[in-house]
Amino acid sequence: MKLMFWGIGAVVVLVLVVAMMPFTVIGQGQMGVITRNGALNRTVGAGLHAKMPIFENVTKFDVQTQKEQVDANAASSDLQEVNTTVALNYNVMPDRVGDLYSRIGTNYKQKIIDPAIQEAVKAATAKFTANDLLQKRPEVSAAIQNALTQRLSLEDIQVSAVSIVNFSFSESFTKAIETKVTAEQTALAAKNQLETVKYEAEQRIAQAKGEAEAIRIQAEAITQQGGREYVALKQVEKWDGHACTQYCGTDLPMPLLNVK
């Protein structure tokens, strides 16, 4: 029993010592709100600060950049249900910490930031169709950030960045998108195949035209060079050095090659 009383006494003494401490330490990236008898007295930055024991209390605020991620339900301009996950980077304005504490207290995330995100997402999403939400994500993100910047600046909170982590739609709409994408891919494959066939046909036509033109040029050359003499020259070029067994023409003066 005595040990229990001694333990209780030690705790009471420790609480009194802490309460009687005339100083408070504010860390880097923090602001301190000092209240006297429950009312705002002053704000202090990082460092060691004096305070009145018992009568003054210190509440510390983180004024560094923080991140809040929220899921928001909304509807697109074509009335598709959309669930959006938004990540917000923000910080409490250091010189406005006292005002924020006086109005809201320390629970400003739940009271200000989360509702503001919901409101901004609904307003921005309603300006776009469901397809545009997917295809114009940077524009949607910019619209949400502009709305949040204006809204939260009135609440002593500064917005530094907004990003859309994810869009999700109803199951029926998701299936419709998948069907559309599949149809587009099939159509593109068919178009590519048709282009290949057309290209190959054009190549064959060009080759045939080239061969026909070569034959025409050769025929003209034969005609221009005397015809029969040109044929005789070709026969001589084909001769293997042996006497031929047949005449190449009835009016030739001597037997020539057996040109096959």
Protein backbone atom coordinates (compact mmCIF):
# COMPACT_ATOMS: atom_id res chain seq x y z
CA MET A 1 0.00 0.00 0.00
CA LYS A 2 2.81 2.40 0.89
CA LEU A 3 4.50 1.69 -2.45
CA MET A 4 1.29 2.59 -4.26
CA PHE A 5 1.04 5.89 -2.41
CA TRP A 6 4.66 6.62 -3.17
CA GLY A 7 4.04 5.92 -6.86
CA ILE A 8 1.01 8.19 -6.99
CA GLY A 9 2.93 10.88 -5.18
CA ALA A 10 5.81 10.66 -7.68
CA VAL A 11 3.44 11.06 -10.63
CA VAL A 12 1.79 14.09 -9.04
CA VAL A 13 5.15 15.69 -8.36
CA LEU A 14 6.27 15.05 -11.96
CA VAL A 15 3.09 16.65 -13.34
CA LEU A 16 3.60 19.66 -11.09
CA VAL A 17 7.22 20.01 -12.19
CA VAL A 18 6.27 19.90 -15.85
CA ALA A 19 3.47 22.38 -15.29
CA MET A 20 5.78 24.69 -13.43
CA MET A 21 8.46 24.69 -16.11
CA PRO A 22 8.94 28.32 -17.24
CA PHE A 23 10.19 27.39 -20.72
CA THR A 24 8.98 25.64 -23.87
CA VAL A 25 10.95 24.38 -26.87
CA ILE A 26 9.53 24.73 -30.40
CA GLY A 27 11.20 22.52 -32.99
CA GLN A 28 12.24 23.31 -36.57
CA GLY A 29 9.26 23.39 -38.92
CA GLN A 30 6.89 24.18 -36.06
CA MET A 31 5.03 27.17 -34.69
CA GLY A 32 3.87 27.42 -31.10
CA VAL A 33 0.55 28.88 -30.02
CA ILE A 34 0.71 30.08 -26.43
CA THR A 35 -2.62 30.51 -24.65
CA ARG A 36 -3.19 32.09 -21.27
CA ASN A 37 -6.16 30.82 -19.30
CA GLY A 38 -7.51 29.30 -22.54
CA ALA A 39 -7.28 32.49 -24.68
CA LEU A 40 -4.76 33.11 -27.45
CA ASN A 41 -1.83 35.12 -26.13
CA ARG A 42 0.89 34.90 -28.80
CA THR A 43 2.60 32.67 -31.37
CA VAL A 44 6.29 31.77 -31.36
CA GLY A 45 8.68 30.17 -33.84
CA ALA A 46 11.40 27.57 -33.45
CA GLY A 47 13.57 27.88 -30.35
CA LEU A 48 13.42 28.19 -26.55
CA HIS A 49 10.66 30.44 -25.20
CA ALA A 50 9.57 31.53 -21.76
CA LYS A 51 6.04 30.93 -20.54
CA MET A 52 4.15 31.40 -17.32
CA PRO A 53 3.84 28.16 -15.37
CA ILE A 54 0.31 26.84 -14.84
CA PHE A 55 -1.38 29.82 -16.51
CA GLU A 56 0.05 29.42 -20.00
CA ASN A 57 -0.15 26.38 -22.27
CA VAL A 58 1.60 25.72 -25.60
CA THR A 59 0.09 24.04 -28.67
CA LYS A 60 2.53 23.13 -31.45
CA PHE A 61 1.61 23.31 -35.14
CA ASP A 62 3.53 21.64 -37.98
CA VAL A 63 4.04 24.30 -40.67
CA GLN A 64 6.08 22.12 -43.03
CA THR A 65 4.57 20.66 -46.20
CA GLN A 66 2.13 17.88 -45.39
CA LYS A 67 0.19 15.44 -47.53
CA GLU A 68 -3.49 14.55 -47.33
CA GLN A 69 -5.04 11.87 -49.56
CA VAL A 70 -8.82 11.69 -49.86
CA ASP A 71 -11.38 9.65 -51.83
CA ALA A 72 -14.17 11.76 -53.31
CA ASN A 73 -17.36 10.66 -55.05
CA ALA A 74 -18.76 12.84 -57.82
CA ALA A 75 -20.58 12.77 -61.18
CA SER A 76 -19.26 13.73 -64.59
CA SER A 77 -21.10 16.11 -66.93
CA ASP A 78 -22.63 13.07 -68.70
CA LEU A 79 -23.82 11.77 -65.30
CA GLN A 80 -21.32 8.94 -64.92
CA GLU A 81 -20.46 8.07 -61.32
CA VAL A 82 -16.79 8.76 -60.62
CA ASN A 83 -14.66 7.94 -57.60
CA THR A 84 -11.52 10.07 -57.47
CA THR A 85 -8.52 9.67 -55.21
CA VAL A 86 -6.80 13.03 -54.73
CA ALA A 87 -3.48 13.77 -53.03
CA LEU A 88 -3.00 17.30 -51.67
CA ASN A 89 0.31 18.84 -50.59
CA TYR A 90 -0.19 21.83 -48.30
CA ASN A 91 1.16 23.71 -45.33
CA VAL A 92 -0.28 25.89 -42.61
CA MET A 93 0.74 29.53 -43.16
CA PRO A 94 3.24 30.22 -40.34
CA ASP A 95 2.15 33.81 -39.80
CA ARG A 96 -1.54 32.78 -39.60
CA VAL A 97 -1.24 29.95 -37.11
CA GLY A 98 -2.84 32.01 -34.34
CA ASP A 99 -5.93 32.78 -36.44
CA LEU A 100 -6.27 29.15 -37.48
CA TYR A 101 -6.05 28.00 -33.88
CA SER A 102 -8.61 30.58 -32.73
CA ARG A 103 -11.14 29.61 -35.41
CA ILE A 104 -10.63 25.89 -35.85
CA GLY A 105 -8.19 24.54 -33.30
CA THR A 106 -5.87 21.65 -34.15
CA ASN A 107 -8.41 19.48 -35.99
CA TYR A 108 -8.24 21.51 -39.20
CA LYS A 109 -7.70 18.50 -41.51
CA GLN A 110 -11.07 16.96 -40.78
CA LYS A 111 -12.88 20.29 -40.42
CA ILE A 112 -11.43 22.20 -43.40
CA ILE A 113 -9.17 20.27 -45.75
CA ASP A 114 -11.16 17.07 -46.32
CA PRO A 115 -14.47 18.88 -47.01
CA ALA A 116 -12.67 21.35 -49.30
CA ILE A 117 -11.24 18.48 -51.36
CA GLN A 118 -14.69 16.91 -51.69
CA GLU A 119 -16.15 20.22 -52.82
CA ALA A 120 -13.36 20.94 -55.33
CA VAL A 121 -13.52 17.47 -56.88
CA LYS A 122 -17.29 17.66 -57.35
CA ALA A 123 -17.04 21.10 -58.96
CA ALA A 124 -14.21 20.13 -61.31
CA THR A 125 -15.58 16.70 -62.27
CA ALA A 126 -18.95 18.18 -63.25
CA LYS A 127 -17.21 20.18 -66.01
CA PHE A 128 -15.92 17.11 -67.88
CA THR A 129 -17.41 14.04 -69.50
CA ALA A 130 -16.25 10.66 -68.25
CA ASN A 131 -14.04 10.17 -71.31
CA ASP A 132 -12.51 13.63 -70.88
CA LEU A 133 -11.69 12.84 -67.25
CA LEU A 134 -9.50 10.01 -68.51
CA GLN A 135 -8.01 11.82 -71.50
CA LYS A 136 -7.53 15.26 -69.91
CA ARG A 137 -6.28 14.37 -66.46
CA PRO A 138 -3.81 17.31 -66.26
CA GLU A 139 -6.65 19.77 -66.97
CA VAL A 140 -8.87 18.14 -64.35
CA SER A 141 -6.04 18.22 -61.81
CA ALA A 142 -5.41 21.91 -62.55
CA ALA A 143 -9.11 22.71 -62.06
CA ILE A 144 -9.12 20.94 -58.68
CA GLN A 145 -5.94 22.70 -57.60
CA ASN A 146 -7.27 26.14 -58.56
CA ALA A 147 -10.45 25.54 -56.58
CA LEU A 148 -8.55 24.30 -53.52
CA THR A 149 -6.03 27.14 -53.64
CA GLN A 150 -8.78 29.75 -53.55
CA ARG A 151 -10.83 27.92 -50.94
CA LEU A 152 -8.04 27.04 -48.48
CA SER A 153 -6.22 30.38 -48.71
CA LEU A 154 -9.23 31.82 -46.90
CA GLU A 155 -8.57 29.32 -44.11
CA ASP A 156 -4.85 30.15 -43.63
CA ILE A 157 -3.70 27.06 -45.53
CA GLN A 158 -1.43 27.22 -48.56
CA VAL A 159 -1.73 24.66 -51.40
CA SER A 160 1.51 23.62 -53.12
CA ALA A 161 0.40 20.70 -55.32
CA VAL A 162 -2.59 18.54 -56.23
CA SER A 163 -2.42 15.22 -58.04
CA ILE A 164 -5.06 12.73 -59.11
CA VAL A 165 -3.98 9.33 -57.87
CA ASN A 166 -6.81 7.38 -59.48
CA PHE A 167 -10.14 7.55 -61.31
CA SER A 168 -12.60 4.67 -61.03
CA PHE A 169 -16.01 4.33 -62.68
CA SER A 170 -19.03 2.07 -62.45
CA GLU A 171 -18.61 -1.51 -63.65
CA SER A 172 -20.90 -0.99 -66.65
CA PHE A 173 -18.98 2.07 -67.82
CA THR A 174 -15.64 0.31 -67.37
CA LYS A 175 -16.86 -2.61 -69.51
CA ALA A 176 -18.09 -0.16 -72.16
CA ILE A 177 -14.64 1.44 -72.29
CA GLU A 178 -12.97 -1.97 -72.63
CA THR A 179 -15.34 -2.92 -75.46
CA LYS A 180 -14.68 0.34 -77.26
CA VAL A 181 -10.91 -0.02 -76.93
CA THR A 182 -11.06 -3.61 -78.24
CA ALA A 183 -13.16 -2.52 -81.23
CA GLU A 184 -10.78 0.34 -82.01
CA GLN A 185 -7.77 -1.97 -81.85
CA THR A 186 -9.47 -4.50 -84.14
CA ALA A 187 -10.39 -1.76 -86.63
CA LEU A 188 -6.83 -0.42 -86.55
CA ALA A 189 -5.39 -3.87 -87.19
CA ALA A 190 -7.76 -4.36 -90.16
CA LYS A 191 -6.82 -0.94 -91.53
CA ASN A 192 -3.12 -1.71 -91.23
CA GLN A 193 -3.62 -5.03 -93.00
CA LEU A 194 -5.53 -3.31 -95.82
CA GLU A 195 -2.76 -0.74 -96.18
CA THR A 196 -0.22 -3.56 -96.41
CA VAL A 197 -2.22 -5.30 -99.14
CA LYS A 198 -2.62 -2.05 -101.06
CA TYR A 199 1.10 -1.32 -100.78
CA GLU A 200 2.05 -4.79 -102.02
CA ALA A 201 -0.38 -4.46 -104.94
CA GLU A 202 1.05 -1.07 -105.85
CA GLN A 203 4.54 -2.57 -105.74
CA ARG A 204 3.52 -5.36 -108.12
CA ILE A 205 1.87 -2.89 -110.46
CA ALA A 206 4.95 -0.69 -110.43
CA GLN A 207 7.17 -3.70 -111.12
CA ALA A 208 4.96 -4.83 -114.02
CA LYS A 209 4.96 -1.32 -115.48
CA GLY A 210 8.74 -1.25 -115.20
CA GLU A 211 9.10 -4.57 -116.98
CA ALA A 212 6.69 -3.50 -119.71
CA GLU A 213 8.58 -0.26 -120.16
CA ALA A 214 11.87 -2.17 -120.41
CA ILE A 215 10.40 -4.45 -123.09
CA ARG A 216 9.08 -1.44 -125.00
CA ILE A 217 12.44 0.29 -124.89
CA GLN A 218 14.20 -2.89 -125.98
CA ALA A 219 11.77 -3.37 -128.87
CA GLU A 220 12.29 0.20 -130.01
CA ALA A 221 16.05 -0.30 -129.85
CA ILE A 222 15.83 -3.44 -131.98
CA THR A 223 13.73 -1.63 -134.56
CA GLN A 224 16.05 1.34 -134.63
CA GLN A 225 19.15 -0.87 -135.01
CA GLY A 226 17.98 -2.79 -138.05
CA GLY A 227 16.08 -5.64 -136.55
CA ARG A 228 17.53 -8.64 -138.38
CA GLU A 229 21.11 -7.56 -137.87
CA TYR A 230 20.44 -7.26 -134.15
CA VAL A 231 19.00 -10.80 -134.10
CA ALA A 232 22.03 -12.11 -135.96
CA LEU A 233 24.31 -10.40 -133.43
CA LYS A 234 22.48 -12.10 -130.58
CA GLN A 235 22.86 -15.46 -132.35
CA VAL A 236 26.60 -14.94 -132.67
CA GLU A 237 26.76 -14.07 -128.98
CA LYS A 238 25.09 -17.39 -128.22
CA TRP A 239 27.39 -19.47 -130.48
CA ASP A 240 29.46 -22.07 -128.59
CA GLY A 241 32.08 -22.51 -131.33
CA HIS A 242 30.59 -25.66 -132.93
CA ALA A 243 28.82 -25.83 -136.28
CA CYS A 244 25.08 -25.72 -135.88
CA THR A 245 22.86 -28.45 -137.29
CA GLN A 246 20.05 -26.17 -138.33
CA TYR A 247 19.75 -22.90 -140.17
CA CYS A 248 18.38 -20.01 -138.23
CA GLY A 249 16.70 -18.66 -141.32
CA THR A 250 16.12 -19.83 -144.88
CA ASP A 251 17.74 -16.81 -146.39
CA LEU A 252 20.93 -16.81 -144.27
CA PRO A 253 24.08 -17.43 -146.37
CA MET A 254 25.61 -19.85 -143.90
CA PRO A 255 24.46 -22.03 -141.05
CA LEU A 256 24.53 -20.38 -137.68
CA LEU A 257 23.75 -21.31 -134.15
CA ASN A 258 20.85 -23.41 -133.07
CA VAL A 259 19.31 -20.75 -130.90
CA LYS A 260 16.68 -22.11 -128.59
